[in-house]
Amino acid sequence: MANWSATWTWLDGDWHEGNVLVAGQRTHAFWLGSSVFDGARAFEGVTPDLDRHCERLNASAHALGLKPTQSVAAIMDLVKDGLERFRSQDAIYIRPMYWAEDGGVGGSSVPPNPETTRFLLCLYVSPMNPPKGFSITLSPFRRPSRETMPTDAKAGCLYPNNARCVMEAKSRGFDNALVLDPLGNVAEAGTSNLFMVKDGVVKTPALNGTFLAGITRRRTIELLRAAGIQVEETTLKVADFMDADEIFSTGNNSKVVAINRIETRELQPGPIMLKARKLYWEWAHAGG
């Protein structure tokens, strides 16, 4: 049995403590993967970009053929209520979800029935990773295209591919993976978005429908540009990252973190990565 950290879940109108079971053997999402979620953070008394995370959750539901049952404001209110159940010093992962209980649209059991969409909000203690950085290696696996998978949704069915990228990288002694899109361009890391710096210019893979438009990615771009730092969203190759002065990642789990090794090349947290992290923390504590 897993040793879960402190967890509270809002389900069917009430709060429940612990890892509440929500799916049966015939639940469509358990069987055929019709679930979406989003991940926000509460740390140091702030919940940055919570509204954007809730908006993306509802957009993901529509993309997967589900029917959102909660407004953005309602989800945000539930988060505020739920956080009162934790200690103020705890870092909390905020995970709202939708899933289909049943299928059966048009005589087929494969599509989810949007009228059976259910919602929960799960909050649990999850410490932020230290900013010391992590290593990456080129993955043999690639991101799917929008023609093959619902890449415009933060859908549970996409994550087995991320998982195998990370597992394969770890089997070779790395922390995470550098993942390409179907055309061989850099897409992202196995669990976060990637940035590189060359000659003072920040570059990040342009959104092309093969990976999720990260909310922390978007916020970091906005903050860097507002600070007068040039940021380009462009097509990037592995060679660009191998030649970079700095590499860093952005994601909900730990926000802005350095890449300290790519393949055999060691890297140090650079001035622009440190600036990006400082800008993010200052913005978050100013009311973000």
C-alpha atoms as a PDB file:
ATOM      1  CA  MET A   1       0.000   0.000   0.000  1.00  0.00           C
ATOM      2  CA  ALA A   2       1.192   3.517  -0.804  1.00  0.00           C
ATOM      3  CA  ASN A   3       2.117   5.833   2.038  1.00  0.00           C
ATOM      4  CA  TRP A   4       0.158   8.904   0.970  1.00  0.00           C
ATOM      5  CA  SER A   5       0.944  12.358   2.324  1.00  0.00           C
ATOM      6  CA  ALA A   6      -1.824  14.374   4.002  1.00  0.00           C
ATOM      7  CA  THR A   7      -4.681  14.515   1.491  1.00  0.00           C
ATOM      8  CA  TRP A   8      -8.117  16.135   1.317  1.00  0.00           C
ATOM      9  CA  THR A   9     -10.568  15.632  -1.554  1.00  0.00           C
ATOM     10  CA  TRP A  10     -13.795  17.456  -2.365  1.00  0.00           C
ATOM     11  CA  LEU A  11     -16.198  14.988  -3.967  1.00  0.00           C
ATOM     12  CA  ASP A  12     -19.978  14.918  -4.308  1.00  0.00           C
ATOM     13  CA  GLY A  13     -20.480  17.994  -2.163  1.00  0.00           C
ATOM     14  CA  ASP A  14     -18.242  17.209   0.796  1.00  0.00           C
ATOM     15  CA  TRP A  15     -14.603  17.010   1.919  1.00  0.00           C
ATOM     16  CA  HIS A  16     -13.025  13.608   2.550  1.00  0.00           C
ATOM     17  CA  GLU A  17      -9.683  12.855   4.179  1.00  0.00           C
ATOM     18  CA  GLY A  18      -7.226  10.403   2.655  1.00  0.00           C
ATOM     19  CA  ASN A  19      -7.059   8.630  -0.696  1.00  0.00           C
ATOM     20  CA  VAL A  20     -10.796   8.298  -1.364  1.00  0.00           C
ATOM     21  CA  LEU A  21     -11.715   5.672  -3.959  1.00  0.00           C
ATOM     22  CA  VAL A  22     -13.805   7.108  -6.794  1.00  0.00           C
ATOM     23  CA  ALA A  23     -13.833   4.586  -9.680  1.00  0.00           C
ATOM     24  CA  GLY A  24     -15.420   1.213 -10.248  1.00  0.00           C
ATOM     25  CA  GLN A  25     -14.520  -1.527 -12.684  1.00  0.00           C
ATOM     26  CA  ARG A  26     -16.903  -0.136 -15.303  1.00  0.00           C
ATOM     27  CA  THR A  27     -16.035   3.523 -14.852  1.00  0.00           C
ATOM     28  CA  HIS A  28     -15.250   4.813 -18.339  1.00  0.00           C
ATOM     29  CA  ALA A  29     -12.208   6.818 -17.244  1.00  0.00           C
ATOM     30  CA  PHE A  30     -10.686   3.810 -15.466  1.00  0.00           C
ATOM     31  CA  TRP A  31     -11.305   1.600 -18.487  1.00  0.00           C
ATOM     32  CA  LEU A  32     -10.784   3.911 -21.472  1.00  0.00           C
ATOM     33  CA  GLY A  33      -8.882   6.900 -20.113  1.00  0.00           C
ATOM     34  CA  SER A  34     -11.463   9.702 -20.279  1.00  0.00           C
ATOM     35  CA  SER A  35      -9.996  11.919 -17.558  1.00  0.00           C
ATOM     36  CA  VAL A  36      -8.510  15.405 -17.487  1.00  0.00           C
ATOM     37  CA  PHE A  37      -6.862  17.307 -14.680  1.00  0.00           C
ATOM     38  CA  ASP A  38      -4.838  20.367 -13.919  1.00  0.00           C
ATOM     39  CA  GLY A  39      -2.110  21.019 -11.409  1.00  0.00           C
ATOM     40  CA  ALA A  40      -1.655  24.238  -9.469  1.00  0.00           C
ATOM     41  CA  ARG A  41       0.409  25.016  -6.401  1.00  0.00           C
ATOM     42  CA  ALA A  42      -0.010  26.569  -2.979  1.00  0.00           C
ATOM     43  CA  PHE A  43       3.276  27.486  -1.301  1.00  0.00           C
ATOM     44  CA  GLU A  44       4.484  30.211   1.039  1.00  0.00           C
ATOM     45  CA  GLY A  45       0.932  31.533   1.279  1.00  0.00           C
ATOM     46  CA  VAL A  46       0.411  32.047  -2.473  1.00  0.00           C
ATOM     47  CA  THR A  47      -1.457  30.210  -5.257  1.00  0.00           C
ATOM     48  CA  PRO A  48       0.030  31.690  -8.455  1.00  0.00           C
ATOM     49  CA  ASP A  49      -2.049  31.603 -11.636  1.00  0.00           C
ATOM     50  CA  LEU A  50      -4.775  29.529  -9.998  1.00  0.00           C
ATOM     51  CA  ASP A  51      -7.353  31.118 -12.300  1.00  0.00           C
ATOM     52  CA  ARG A  52      -5.430  30.081 -15.423  1.00  0.00           C
ATOM     53  CA  HIS A  53      -5.134  26.513 -14.159  1.00  0.00           C
ATOM     54  CA  CYS A  54      -8.875  26.312 -13.529  1.00  0.00           C
ATOM     55  CA  GLU A  55      -9.619  27.799 -16.946  1.00  0.00           C
ATOM     56  CA  ARG A  56      -7.364  25.223 -18.595  1.00  0.00           C
ATOM     57  CA  LEU A  57      -9.086  22.398 -16.722  1.00  0.00           C
ATOM     58  CA  ASN A  58     -12.446  23.335 -18.213  1.00  0.00           C
ATOM     59  CA  ALA A  59     -10.908  23.761 -21.670  1.00  0.00           C
ATOM     60  CA  SER A  60      -9.323  20.305 -21.362  1.00  0.00           C
ATOM     61  CA  ALA A  61     -12.695  18.808 -20.473  1.00  0.00           C
ATOM     62  CA  HIS A  62     -14.263  20.223 -23.630  1.00  0.00           C
ATOM     63  CA  ALA A  63     -11.327  18.969 -25.715  1.00  0.00           C
ATOM     64  CA  LEU A  64     -11.840  15.410 -24.454  1.00  0.00           C
ATOM     65  CA  GLY A  65     -15.600  15.442 -24.981  1.00  0.00           C
ATOM     66  CA  LEU A  66     -16.492  15.929 -21.332  1.00  0.00           C
ATOM     67  CA  LYS A  67     -18.897  18.472 -19.841  1.00  0.00           C
ATOM     68  CA  PRO A  68     -17.434  20.817 -17.200  1.00  0.00           C
ATOM     69  CA  THR A  69     -19.688  20.992 -14.164  1.00  0.00           C
ATOM     70  CA  GLN A  70     -17.860  23.712 -12.218  1.00  0.00           C
ATOM     71  CA  SER A  71     -17.134  27.339 -13.013  1.00  0.00           C
ATOM     72  CA  VAL A  72     -13.631  28.719 -12.630  1.00  0.00           C
ATOM     73  CA  ALA A  73     -14.792  30.824  -9.680  1.00  0.00           C
ATOM     74  CA  ALA A  74     -16.383  27.811  -7.975  1.00  0.00           C
ATOM     75  CA  ILE A  75     -13.195  25.753  -8.276  1.00  0.00           C
ATOM     76  CA  MET A  76     -11.120  28.623  -6.897  1.00  0.00           C
ATOM     77  CA  ASP A  77     -13.474  28.968  -3.928  1.00  0.00           C
ATOM     78  CA  LEU A  78     -13.169  25.240  -3.213  1.00  0.00           C
ATOM     79  CA  VAL A  79      -9.380  25.511  -3.303  1.00  0.00           C
ATOM     80  CA  LYS A  80      -9.463  28.339  -0.770  1.00  0.00           C
ATOM     81  CA  ASP A  81     -11.717  26.292   1.498  1.00  0.00           C
ATOM     82  CA  GLY A  82      -9.613  23.158   1.160  1.00  0.00           C
ATOM     83  CA  LEU A  83      -6.311  24.851   1.924  1.00  0.00           C
ATOM     84  CA  GLU A  84      -7.599  25.720   5.392  1.00  0.00           C
ATOM     85  CA  ARG A  85      -7.262  22.008   6.236  1.00  0.00           C
ATOM     86  CA  PHE A  86      -3.467  22.151   5.932  1.00  0.00           C
ATOM     87  CA  ARG A  87      -0.660  23.809   7.853  1.00  0.00           C
ATOM     88  CA  SER A  88       0.374  27.184   6.475  1.00  0.00           C
ATOM     89  CA  GLN A  89       3.968  26.010   5.992  1.00  0.00           C
ATOM     90  CA  ASP A  90       2.992  23.030   3.812  1.00  0.00           C
ATOM     91  CA  ALA A  91       3.522  23.106   0.049  1.00  0.00           C
ATOM     92  CA  ILE A  92       0.315  21.797  -1.506  1.00  0.00           C
ATOM     93  CA  TYR A  93      -0.376  20.269  -4.898  1.00  0.00           C
ATOM     94  CA  ILE A  94      -3.793  21.374  -6.184  1.00  0.00           C
ATOM     95  CA  ARG A  95      -5.353  18.874  -8.605  1.00  0.00           C
ATOM     96  CA  PRO A  96      -8.917  19.410  -9.890  1.00  0.00           C
ATOM     97  CA  MET A  97     -10.194  16.659 -12.197  1.00  0.00           C
ATOM     98  CA  TYR A  98     -13.055  15.698 -14.490  1.00  0.00           C
ATOM     99  CA  TRP A  99     -13.751  12.194 -15.711  1.00  0.00           C
ATOM    100  CA  ALA A 100     -16.507  10.265 -17.468  1.00  0.00           C
ATOM    101  CA  GLU A 101     -18.358   7.671 -15.458  1.00  0.00           C
ATOM    102  CA  ASP A 102     -19.958   6.057 -18.498  1.00  0.00           C
ATOM    103  CA  GLY A 103     -19.708   5.837 -22.277  1.00  0.00           C
ATOM    104  CA  GLY A 104     -22.308   4.827 -24.787  1.00  0.00           C
ATOM    105  CA  VAL A 105     -22.619   7.755 -27.201  1.00  0.00           C
ATOM    106  CA  GLY A 106     -24.187   6.798 -30.533  1.00  0.00           C
ATOM    107  CA  GLY A 107     -24.351   3.132 -29.658  1.00  0.00           C
ATOM    108  CA  SER A 108     -20.613   2.835 -28.977  1.00  0.00           C
ATOM    109  CA  SER A 109     -19.081   2.364 -25.545  1.00  0.00           C
ATOM    110  CA  VAL A 110     -15.782   3.985 -26.591  1.00  0.00           C
ATOM    111  CA  PRO A 111     -16.684   7.720 -26.562  1.00  0.00           C
ATOM    112  CA  PRO A 112     -17.333   9.167 -23.105  1.00  0.00           C
ATOM    113  CA  ASN A 113     -20.870  10.229 -22.277  1.00  0.00           C
ATOM    114  CA  PRO A 114     -20.488  13.915 -21.344  1.00  0.00           C
ATOM    115  CA  GLU A 115     -23.655  13.797 -19.262  1.00  0.00           C
ATOM    116  CA  THR A 116     -21.891  11.445 -16.834  1.00  0.00           C
ATOM    117  CA  THR A 117     -18.956  13.805 -16.209  1.00  0.00           C
ATOM    118  CA  ARG A 118     -17.875  13.908 -12.574  1.00  0.00           C
ATOM    119  CA  PHE A 119     -15.623  16.370 -10.738  1.00  0.00           C
ATOM    120  CA  LEU A 120     -13.293  16.237  -7.781  1.00  0.00           C
ATOM    121  CA  LEU A 121     -10.676  18.497  -6.241  1.00  0.00           C
ATOM    122  CA  CYS A 122      -7.720  16.795  -4.589  1.00  0.00           C
ATOM    123  CA  LEU A 123      -5.265  18.704  -2.386  1.00  0.00           C
ATOM    124  CA  TYR A 124      -2.205  17.047  -0.892  1.00  0.00           C
ATOM    125  CA  VAL A 125       1.133  17.861   0.691  1.00  0.00           C
ATOM    126  CA  SER A 126       3.902  17.788  -1.910  1.00  0.00           C
ATOM    127  CA  PRO A 127       7.201  19.550  -1.123  1.00  0.00           C
ATOM    128  CA  MET A 128       8.757  21.708  -3.823  1.00  0.00           C
ATOM    129  CA  ASN A 129      11.926  20.293  -5.359  1.00  0.00           C
ATOM    130  CA  PRO A 130      15.088  22.220  -4.422  1.00  0.00           C
ATOM    131  CA  PRO A 131      16.390  24.551  -7.154  1.00  0.00           C
ATOM    132  CA  LYS A 132      19.692  22.654  -7.483  1.00  0.00           C
ATOM    133  CA  GLY A 133      18.602  21.437 -10.903  1.00  0.00           C
ATOM    134  CA  PHE A 134      18.342  18.127 -12.731  1.00  0.00           C
ATOM    135  CA  SER A 135      19.891  16.242 -15.637  1.00  0.00           C
ATOM    136  CA  ILE A 136      18.342  15.391 -19.013  1.00  0.00           C
ATOM    137  CA  THR A 137      19.096  13.025 -21.875  1.00  0.00           C
ATOM    138  CA  LEU A 138      17.605  12.629 -25.338  1.00  0.00           C
ATOM    139  CA  SER A 139      14.651  10.248 -25.212  1.00  0.00           C
ATOM    140  CA  PRO A 140      14.106   7.573 -27.880  1.00  0.00           C
ATOM    141  CA  PHE A 141      10.375   8.289 -27.539  1.00  0.00           C
ATOM    142  CA  ARG A 142       8.588  11.301 -29.004  1.00  0.00           C
ATOM    143  CA  ARG A 143       5.599  13.484 -28.295  1.00  0.00           C
ATOM    144  CA  PRO A 144       2.426  12.610 -30.221  1.00  0.00           C
ATOM    145  CA  SER A 145       0.979  14.920 -32.847  1.00  0.00           C
ATOM    146  CA  ARG A 146      -2.404  16.576 -32.509  1.00  0.00           C
ATOM    147  CA  GLU A 147      -3.695  14.161 -35.184  1.00  0.00           C
ATOM    148  CA  THR A 148      -2.901  11.137 -33.017  1.00  0.00           C
ATOM    149  CA  MET A 149      -3.714  12.220 -29.447  1.00  0.00           C
ATOM    150  CA  PRO A 150      -5.679  14.970 -27.637  1.00  0.00           C
ATOM    151  CA  THR A 151      -2.598  17.122 -27.130  1.00  0.00           C
ATOM    152  CA  ASP A 152      -4.727  20.229 -26.530  1.00  0.00           C
ATOM    153  CA  ALA A 153      -5.916  18.736 -23.239  1.00  0.00           C
ATOM    154  CA  LYS A 154      -4.147  17.967 -19.985  1.00  0.00           C
ATOM    155  CA  ALA A 155      -5.477  14.440 -20.218  1.00  0.00           C
ATOM    156  CA  GLY A 156      -4.486  11.433 -18.169  1.00  0.00           C
ATOM    157  CA  CYS A 157      -4.235   9.288 -21.302  1.00  0.00           C
ATOM    158  CA  LEU A 158      -1.186  11.289 -22.455  1.00  0.00           C
ATOM    159  CA  TYR A 159       0.937  10.563 -19.417  1.00  0.00           C
ATOM    160  CA  PRO A 160       2.012   6.945 -20.048  1.00  0.00           C
ATOM    161  CA  ASN A 161       4.143   8.372 -22.865  1.00  0.00           C
ATOM    162  CA  ASN A 162       5.697  10.918 -20.493  1.00  0.00           C
ATOM    163  CA  ALA A 163       6.232   8.143 -17.968  1.00  0.00           C
ATOM    164  CA  ARG A 164       8.142   5.908 -20.348  1.00  0.00           C
ATOM    165  CA  CYS A 165      10.326   8.863 -21.388  1.00  0.00           C
ATOM    166  CA  VAL A 166      11.252   9.513 -17.764  1.00  0.00           C
ATOM    167  CA  MET A 167      11.679   5.841 -16.859  1.00  0.00           C
ATOM    168  CA  GLU A 168      13.988   5.235 -19.805  1.00  0.00           C
ATOM    169  CA  ALA A 169      16.074   8.304 -18.897  1.00  0.00           C
ATOM    170  CA  LYS A 170      16.344   7.190 -15.275  1.00  0.00           C
ATOM    171  CA  SER A 171      17.449   3.730 -16.389  1.00  0.00           C
ATOM    172  CA  ARG A 172      20.507   5.450 -17.887  1.00  0.00           C
ATOM    173  CA  GLY A 173      21.275   7.523 -14.801  1.00  0.00           C
ATOM    174  CA  PHE A 174      19.515  10.776 -15.728  1.00  0.00           C
ATOM    175  CA  ASP A 175      16.751  12.594 -13.860  1.00  0.00           C
ATOM    176  CA  ASN A 176      14.530  13.413 -16.822  1.00  0.00           C
ATOM    177  CA  ALA A 177      14.229  13.312 -20.600  1.00  0.00           C
ATOM    178  CA  LEU A 178      14.652  15.697 -23.511  1.00  0.00           C
ATOM    179  CA  VAL A 179      11.682  14.849 -25.726  1.00  0.00           C
ATOM    180  CA  LEU A 180      11.313  15.650 -29.419  1.00  0.00           C
ATOM    181  CA  ASP A 181       8.169  16.234 -31.457  1.00  0.00           C
ATOM    182  CA  PRO A 182       7.284  13.939 -34.402  1.00  0.00           C
ATOM    183  CA  LEU A 183       9.441  16.048 -36.757  1.00  0.00           C
ATOM    184  CA  GLY A 184      12.551  15.805 -34.603  1.00  0.00           C
ATOM    185  CA  ASN A 185      12.417  19.272 -33.049  1.00  0.00           C
ATOM    186  CA  VAL A 186      12.775  19.751 -29.302  1.00  0.00           C
ATOM    187  CA  ALA A 187       9.354  19.783 -27.626  1.00  0.00           C
ATOM    188  CA  GLU A 188       9.829  19.659 -23.857  1.00  0.00           C
ATOM    189  CA  ALA A 189      11.257  17.700 -20.965  1.00  0.00           C
ATOM    190  CA  GLY A 190       9.428  14.613 -19.773  1.00  0.00           C
ATOM    191  CA  THR A 191       7.551  16.569 -17.113  1.00  0.00           C
ATOM    192  CA  SER A 192       8.069  20.272 -17.854  1.00  0.00           C
ATOM    193  CA  ASN A 193       8.747  22.912 -20.489  1.00  0.00           C
ATOM    194  CA  LEU A 194      12.286  23.811 -21.533  1.00  0.00           C
ATOM    195  CA  PHE A 195      14.135  27.087 -22.082  1.00  0.00           C
ATOM    196  CA  MET A 196      17.685  27.733 -23.276  1.00  0.00           C
ATOM    197  CA  VAL A 197      19.863  30.838 -23.309  1.00  0.00           C
ATOM    198  CA  LYS A 198      22.429  31.748 -25.962  1.00  0.00           C
ATOM    199  CA  ASP A 199      24.308  35.064 -26.014  1.00  0.00           C
ATOM    200  CA  GLY A 200      21.778  36.640 -23.660  1.00  0.00           C
ATOM    201  CA  VAL A 201      18.710  35.633 -25.707  1.00  0.00           C
ATOM    202  CA  VAL A 202      16.177  33.257 -24.155  1.00  0.00           C
ATOM    203  CA  LYS A 203      14.673  30.680 -26.501  1.00  0.00           C
ATOM    204  CA  THR A 204      11.932  28.104 -25.976  1.00  0.00           C
ATOM    205  CA  PRO A 205      10.219  25.663 -28.348  1.00  0.00           C
ATOM    206  CA  ALA A 206       7.315  27.297 -30.165  1.00  0.00           C
ATOM    207  CA  LEU A 207       3.903  25.838 -29.438  1.00  0.00           C
ATOM    208  CA  ASN A 208       3.037  23.498 -32.302  1.00  0.00           C
ATOM    209  CA  GLY A 209       0.285  21.321 -30.902  1.00  0.00           C
ATOM    210  CA  THR A 210       2.510  18.453 -29.794  1.00  0.00           C
ATOM    211  CA  PHE A 211       2.950  19.547 -26.169  1.00  0.00           C
ATOM    212  CA  LEU A 212       0.866  21.417 -23.633  1.00  0.00           C
ATOM    213  CA  ALA A 213       1.084  25.191 -23.398  1.00  0.00           C
ATOM    214  CA  GLY A 214       2.476  25.400 -19.889  1.00  0.00           C
ATOM    215  CA  ILE A 215       1.027  28.047 -17.606  1.00  0.00           C
ATOM    216  CA  THR A 216       4.327  28.580 -15.777  1.00  0.00           C
ATOM    217  CA  ARG A 217       6.011  28.711 -19.203  1.00  0.00           C
ATOM    218  CA  ARG A 218       3.655  31.478 -20.299  1.00  0.00           C
ATOM    219  CA  ARG A 219       4.097  33.427 -17.072  1.00  0.00           C
ATOM    220  CA  THR A 220       7.888  33.149 -17.247  1.00  0.00           C
ATOM    221  CA  ILE A 221       7.912  34.486 -20.810  1.00  0.00           C
ATOM    222  CA  GLU A 222       5.734  37.426 -19.754  1.00  0.00           C
ATOM    223  CA  LEU A 223       7.934  38.257 -16.758  1.00  0.00           C
ATOM    224  CA  LEU A 224      11.209  38.035 -18.683  1.00  0.00           C
ATOM    225  CA  ARG A 225       9.917  40.232 -21.498  1.00  0.00           C
ATOM    226  CA  ALA A 226       8.591  42.782 -19.012  1.00  0.00           C
ATOM    227  CA  ALA A 227      12.092  42.870 -17.506  1.00  0.00           C
ATOM    228  CA  GLY A 228      13.572  43.723 -20.902  1.00  0.00           C
ATOM    229  CA  ILE A 229      14.990  40.278 -21.689  1.00  0.00           C
ATOM    230  CA  GLN A 230      14.532  39.043 -25.257  1.00  0.00           C
ATOM    231  CA  VAL A 231      12.525  35.807 -25.463  1.00  0.00           C
ATOM    232  CA  GLU A 232      12.021  33.920 -28.717  1.00  0.00           C
ATOM    233  CA  GLU A 233       9.487  31.132 -29.256  1.00  0.00           C
ATOM    234  CA  THR A 234      11.021  29.225 -32.131  1.00  0.00           C
ATOM    235  CA  THR A 235      11.940  25.850 -33.631  1.00  0.00           C
ATOM    236  CA  LEU A 236      14.898  24.367 -31.771  1.00  0.00           C
ATOM    237  CA  LYS A 237      17.067  21.316 -32.377  1.00  0.00           C
ATOM    238  CA  VAL A 238      19.013  19.147 -29.958  1.00  0.00           C
ATOM    239  CA  ALA A 239      22.204  20.829 -31.195  1.00  0.00           C
ATOM    240  CA  ASP A 240      20.850  24.197 -30.024  1.00  0.00           C
ATOM    241  CA  PHE A 241      20.480  22.880 -26.492  1.00  0.00           C
ATOM    242  CA  MET A 242      23.871  21.181 -26.565  1.00  0.00           C
ATOM    243  CA  ASP A 243      25.414  24.559 -27.455  1.00  0.00           C
ATOM    244  CA  ALA A 244      23.373  26.627 -24.988  1.00  0.00           C
ATOM    245  CA  ASP A 245      24.906  28.861 -22.330  1.00  0.00           C
ATOM    246  CA  GLU A 246      22.076  27.989 -19.928  1.00  0.00           C
ATOM    247  CA  ILE A 247      19.151  25.565 -19.881  1.00  0.00           C
ATOM    248  CA  PHE A 248      16.248  25.681 -17.455  1.00  0.00           C
ATOM    249  CA  SER A 249      12.770  24.262 -17.098  1.00  0.00           C
ATOM    250  CA  THR A 250       9.422  25.624 -16.013  1.00  0.00           C
ATOM    251  CA  GLY A 251       6.530  23.654 -14.622  1.00  0.00           C
ATOM    252  CA  ASN A 252       3.952  23.580 -11.902  1.00  0.00           C
ATOM    253  CA  ASN A 253       5.825  21.176  -9.656  1.00  0.00           C
ATOM    254  CA  SER A 254       8.771  23.434  -8.802  1.00  0.00           C
ATOM    255  CA  LYS A 255       8.255  26.447 -11.091  1.00  0.00           C
ATOM    256  CA  VAL A 256      11.677  27.567 -12.448  1.00  0.00           C
ATOM    257  CA  VAL A 257      14.572  25.099 -12.111  1.00  0.00           C
ATOM    258  CA  ALA A 258      17.989  24.820 -13.777  1.00  0.00           C
ATOM    259  CA  ILE A 259      19.147  21.944 -15.948  1.00  0.00           C
ATOM    260  CA  ASN A 260      22.534  20.992 -14.502  1.00  0.00           C
ATOM    261  CA  ARG A 261      23.531  18.369 -17.097  1.00  0.00           C
ATOM    262  CA  ILE A 262      22.545  17.527 -20.666  1.00  0.00           C
ATOM    263  CA  GLU A 263      24.052  14.219 -21.734  1.00  0.00           C
ATOM    264  CA  THR A 264      27.702  14.443 -20.590  1.00  0.00           C
ATOM    265  CA  ARG A 265      27.831  18.241 -20.494  1.00  0.00           C
ATOM    266  CA  GLU A 266      27.727  19.791 -17.037  1.00  0.00           C
ATOM    267  CA  LEU A 267      25.948  23.139 -16.572  1.00  0.00           C
ATOM    268  CA  GLN A 268      25.574  25.619 -13.747  1.00  0.00           C
ATOM    269  CA  PRO A 269      22.509  27.727 -12.902  1.00  0.00           C
ATOM    270  CA  GLY A 270      23.053  30.822 -15.027  1.00  0.00           C
ATOM    271  CA  PRO A 271      22.215  34.492 -14.449  1.00  0.00           C
ATOM    272  CA  ILE A 272      19.101  34.499 -16.626  1.00  0.00           C
ATOM    273  CA  MET A 273      17.682  31.356 -15.028  1.00  0.00           C
ATOM    274  CA  LEU A 274      18.305  32.871 -11.597  1.00  0.00           C
ATOM    275  CA  LYS A 275      16.673  36.101 -12.784  1.00  0.00           C
ATOM    276  CA  ALA A 276      13.649  34.195 -14.089  1.00  0.00           C
ATOM    277  CA  ARG A 277      13.226  32.362 -10.792  1.00  0.00           C
ATOM    278  CA  LYS A 278      13.578  35.594  -8.806  1.00  0.00           C
ATOM    279  CA  LEU A 279      11.063  37.368 -11.046  1.00  0.00           C
ATOM    280  CA  TYR A 280       8.579  34.520 -10.652  1.00  0.00           C
ATOM    281  CA  TRP A 281       8.834  34.448  -6.862  1.00  0.00           C
ATOM    282  CA  GLU A 282       8.522  38.220  -6.606  1.00  0.00           C
ATOM    283  CA  TRP A 283       5.489  38.224  -8.889  1.00  0.00           C
ATOM    284  CA  ALA A 284       3.840  35.348  -7.009  1.00  0.00           C
ATOM    285  CA  HIS A 285       4.267  37.058  -3.648  1.00  0.00           C
ATOM    286  CA  ALA A 286       3.010  40.356  -5.053  1.00  0.00           C
ATOM    287  CA  GLY A 287      -0.412  38.824  -5.599  1.00  0.00           C
ATOM    288  CA  GLY A 288       0.008  36.491  -8.563  1.00  0.00           C
END
